């Protein structure tokens, strides 16, 4: 027996769309978690590998292409966040305020601004994932940039996808810890380089 009920049909379509969206979001969460684990691995590799300057500035390094794209997108993303009043650490708060404002008093400019933040964030997430699959530990400063922007993205995503806020808040904390670990390694590495250079300066060649 065929039931021709437009309300049931519309309801079924909504269920299908919701299922597809949830499935895609779960896949995205899995990818973001894998990216973090790759960055964690990269920090460990940096800690125990002996890098030379020639390794870090390797011209054929595949990360160069993606580094350029990331360098282009981050300023755009940050400028959009500044427009809505974002300062250090209050990303989620400012986005939440704008979301509530748009719900009660929708304005096309503010709606488009939120869309731009979301779209730019998605593009940066994609690059972060690609970089995580490459030997990014050869470029520790790029590694630090990727980790730092991932922290900011987690703060934004926890607001855009409130149902997954616990996941993003936990991921954010992990990225913060990873950034602190890498910063300590970079500082130690720089101190060793300075000591080596000073030691070379003191060496005299006898004829």
Protein backbone atom coordinates (compact mmCIF):
# COMPACT_ATOMS: atom_id res chain seq x y z
CA UNK A 1 0.00 0.00 0.00
CA UNK A 2 1.38 3.39 -1.03
CA UNK A 3 0.87 6.28 1.37
CA UNK A 4 0.93 9.61 -0.40
CA UNK A 5 1.50 11.97 2.50
CA UNK A 6 3.63 15.06 1.79
CA UNK A 7 4.34 15.59 5.52
CA UNK A 8 5.74 12.09 5.98
CA UNK A 9 7.81 12.45 2.81
CA UNK A 10 9.23 15.77 3.96
CA UNK A 11 9.99 14.33 7.39
CA UNK A 12 11.83 11.39 5.83
CA UNK A 13 13.92 13.77 3.75
CA UNK A 14 14.87 15.68 6.88
CA UNK A 15 15.96 12.46 8.57
CA UNK A 16 18.10 11.52 5.56
CA UNK A 17 19.73 14.95 5.45
CA UNK A 18 20.38 14.86 9.19
CA UNK A 19 21.92 11.39 8.94
CA UNK A 20 24.20 12.46 6.09
CA UNK A 21 25.29 15.60 7.95
CA UNK A 22 26.04 13.62 11.14
CA UNK A 23 27.96 11.01 9.17
CA UNK A 24 30.07 13.69 7.46
CA UNK A 25 30.69 15.49 10.75
CA UNK A 26 31.83 12.28 12.48
CA UNK A 27 34.21 11.62 9.59
CA UNK A 28 35.55 15.15 9.99
CA UNK A 29 36.06 14.65 13.72
CA UNK A 30 37.97 11.43 13.01
CA UNK A 31 40.18 13.24 10.53
CA UNK A 32 40.88 16.06 12.98
CA UNK A 33 41.78 13.59 15.70
CA UNK A 34 44.14 11.78 13.31
CA UNK A 35 45.72 15.12 12.39
CA UNK A 36 46.41 15.86 16.05
CA UNK A 37 48.00 12.44 16.57
CA UNK A 38 50.20 13.06 13.53
CA UNK A 39 51.30 16.40 14.96
CA UNK A 40 52.02 14.73 18.29
CA UNK A 41 54.18 12.24 16.39
CA UNK A 42 55.93 15.10 14.53
CA UNK A 43 56.84 16.81 17.82
CA UNK A 44 58.32 13.54 19.10
CA UNK A 45 60.28 13.16 15.83
CA UNK A 46 61.59 16.71 16.19
CA UNK A 47 62.63 16.01 19.77
CA UNK A 48 64.78 12.99 18.87
CA UNK A 49 65.98 13.84 15.35
CA UNK A 50 69.18 15.73 14.57
CA UNK A 51 68.13 18.39 12.10
CA UNK A 52 70.53 20.31 9.95
CA UNK A 53 69.83 23.71 8.41
CA UNK A 54 69.99 22.11 4.98
CA UNK A 55 67.17 19.77 6.00
CA UNK A 56 64.95 22.56 7.27
CA UNK A 57 65.41 24.75 4.15
CA UNK A 58 65.11 21.90 1.67
CA UNK A 59 63.75 23.39 -1.57
CA UNK A 60 61.91 20.27 -2.65
CA UNK A 61 60.14 19.88 0.68
CA UNK A 62 56.47 19.12 -0.17
CA UNK A 63 55.28 21.23 2.76
CA UNK A 64 56.35 24.44 0.97
CA UNK A 65 53.29 24.46 -1.29
CA UNK A 66 50.89 24.07 1.63
CA UNK A 67 52.84 26.49 3.78
CA UNK A 68 52.13 29.20 1.21
CA UNK A 69 48.42 28.44 1.22
CA UNK A 70 48.29 28.42 5.01
CA UNK A 71 50.19 31.73 5.16
CA UNK A 72 47.58 33.21 2.83
CA UNK A 73 44.48 31.94 4.65
CA UNK A 74 45.46 32.59 8.27
CA UNK A 75 45.58 36.43 7.95
CA UNK A 76 42.17 36.36 6.24
CA UNK A 77 40.75 34.20 9.01
CA UNK A 78 42.24 36.32 11.78
CA UNK A 79 40.98 39.56 10.19
CA UNK A 80 37.41 38.19 10.11
CA UNK A 81 37.69 37.22 13.78
CA UNK A 82 38.96 40.70 14.67
CA UNK A 83 35.92 42.24 12.98
CA UNK A 84 33.64 40.49 15.47
CA UNK A 85 35.81 41.59 18.38
CA UNK A 86 37.91 38.48 18.93
CA UNK A 87 40.95 38.91 21.15
CA UNK A 88 43.33 36.38 22.66
CA UNK A 89 41.33 33.49 24.12
CA UNK A 90 37.76 34.77 23.57
CA UNK A 91 37.05 33.26 20.13
CA UNK A 92 34.16 31.06 21.27
CA UNK A 93 32.62 33.86 23.34
CA UNK A 94 32.54 36.38 20.47
CA UNK A 95 31.22 33.88 17.93
CA UNK A 96 28.49 32.80 20.36
CA UNK A 97 27.44 36.43 20.88
CA UNK A 98 27.19 36.94 17.11
CA UNK A 99 25.26 33.69 16.63
CA UNK A 100 22.70 34.74 19.25
CA UNK A 101 22.44 38.17 17.66
CA UNK A 102 21.84 36.67 14.22
CA UNK A 103 19.11 34.39 15.61
CA UNK A 104 17.17 37.29 17.13
CA UNK A 105 18.00 40.05 14.65
CA UNK A 106 19.31 38.50 11.42
CA UNK A 107 21.34 40.82 9.23
CA UNK A 108 22.82 39.71 5.90
CA UNK A 109 26.22 41.25 6.66
CA UNK A 110 26.60 39.38 9.95
CA UNK A 111 25.26 36.14 8.49
CA UNK A 112 27.77 36.36 5.63
CA UNK A 113 30.54 37.14 8.10
CA UNK A 114 29.79 33.95 10.03
CA UNK A 115 29.72 31.98 6.78
CA UNK A 116 33.11 33.41 5.77
CA UNK A 117 34.60 32.45 9.14
CA UNK A 118 33.20 28.93 8.76
CA UNK A 119 34.43 28.56 5.16
CA UNK A 120 37.91 29.88 5.90
CA UNK A 121 38.10 27.62 8.94
CA UNK A 122 37.19 24.59 6.81
CA UNK A 123 39.90 25.42 4.26
CA UNK A 124 42.52 25.81 6.99
CA UNK A 125 41.46 22.50 8.58
CA UNK A 126 42.07 20.79 5.21
CA UNK A 127 45.59 22.21 4.96
CA UNK A 128 46.32 21.30 8.57
CA UNK A 129 45.34 17.73 7.78
CA UNK A 130 47.50 17.59 4.64
CA UNK A 131 50.51 19.01 6.50
CA UNK A 132 50.03 16.48 9.29
CA UNK A 133 50.50 13.67 6.76
CA UNK A 134 53.83 15.10 5.56
CA UNK A 135 57.26 15.24 7.23
CA UNK A 136 56.46 18.58 8.86
CA UNK A 137 58.90 17.96 11.73
CA UNK A 138 61.60 19.09 9.28
CA UNK A 139 60.04 22.56 9.62
CA UNK A 140 59.40 23.04 13.35
CA UNK A 141 58.34 26.68 13.03
CA UNK A 142 55.67 25.75 10.46
CA UNK A 143 54.68 22.93 12.79
CA UNK A 144 54.17 25.47 15.57
CA UNK A 145 52.03 27.72 13.34
CA UNK A 146 49.81 24.77 12.36
CA UNK A 147 49.37 23.72 15.98
CA UNK A 148 48.57 27.26 17.14
CA UNK A 149 45.92 27.91 14.47
CA UNK A 150 44.40 24.48 15.20
CA UNK A 151 43.88 25.65 18.79
CA UNK A 152 41.97 28.71 17.52
CA UNK A 153 39.89 26.60 15.14
CA UNK A 154 38.91 24.26 17.98
CA UNK A 155 37.59 27.23 19.96
CA UNK A 156 35.48 28.33 16.99
CA UNK A 157 34.20 24.85 16.15
CA UNK A 158 33.09 24.25 19.75
CA UNK A 159 30.58 27.07 19.18
CA UNK A 160 29.52 26.31 15.62
CA UNK A 161 28.95 22.65 16.53
CA UNK A 162 27.83 22.85 20.16
CA UNK A 163 26.82 19.17 20.19
CA UNK A 164 30.54 18.34 19.78
CA UNK A 165 31.80 21.06 22.15
CA UNK A 166 33.30 18.54 24.59
CA UNK A 167 35.32 16.97 21.78
CA UNK A 168 36.66 20.31 20.56
CA UNK A 169 37.41 21.59 24.05
CA UNK A 170 39.42 18.45 24.79
CA UNK A 171 41.20 18.71 21.44
CA UNK A 172 41.97 22.37 22.15
CA UNK A 173 43.61 21.49 25.47
CA UNK A 174 45.71 18.83 23.76
CA UNK A 175 46.89 21.33 21.15
CA UNK A 176 47.75 23.86 23.87
CA UNK A 177 49.91 21.27 25.65
CA UNK A 178 51.53 20.29 22.36
CA UNK A 179 52.36 23.92 21.55
CA UNK A 180 53.95 24.38 24.97
CA UNK A 181 56.03 21.23 24.47
CA UNK A 182 57.20 22.34 21.02
CA UNK A 183 57.98 25.87 22.23
CA UNK A 184 60.22 24.41 24.93
CA UNK A 185 62.00 22.23 22.37
CA UNK A 186 62.53 25.16 19.99
CA UNK A 187 63.94 27.30 22.79
CA UNK A 188 66.33 24.54 23.85
CA UNK A 189 67.35 23.99 20.23
CA UNK A 190 68.07 27.70 19.72
CA UNK A 191 70.15 27.84 22.91
CA UNK A 192 72.25 24.89 21.68
CA UNK A 193 72.80 26.60 18.32
CA UNK A 194 73.92 29.83 20.03
CA UNK A 195 76.38 27.88 22.20
CA UNK A 196 77.80 26.10 19.13
CA UNK A 197 78.25 29.39 17.26
CA UNK A 198 80.00 30.99 20.24
CA UNK A 199 82.23 27.95 20.56
CA UNK A 200 83.21 28.19 16.90
CA UNK A 201 84.01 31.88 17.32
CA UNK A 202 86.45 31.04 20.13
CA UNK A 203 88.28 28.46 18.06
CA UNK A 204 91.57 29.80 16.62
CA UNK A 205 93.34 28.31 13.64
CA UNK A 206 97.06 27.90 14.24
CA UNK A 207 99.37 28.13 11.25
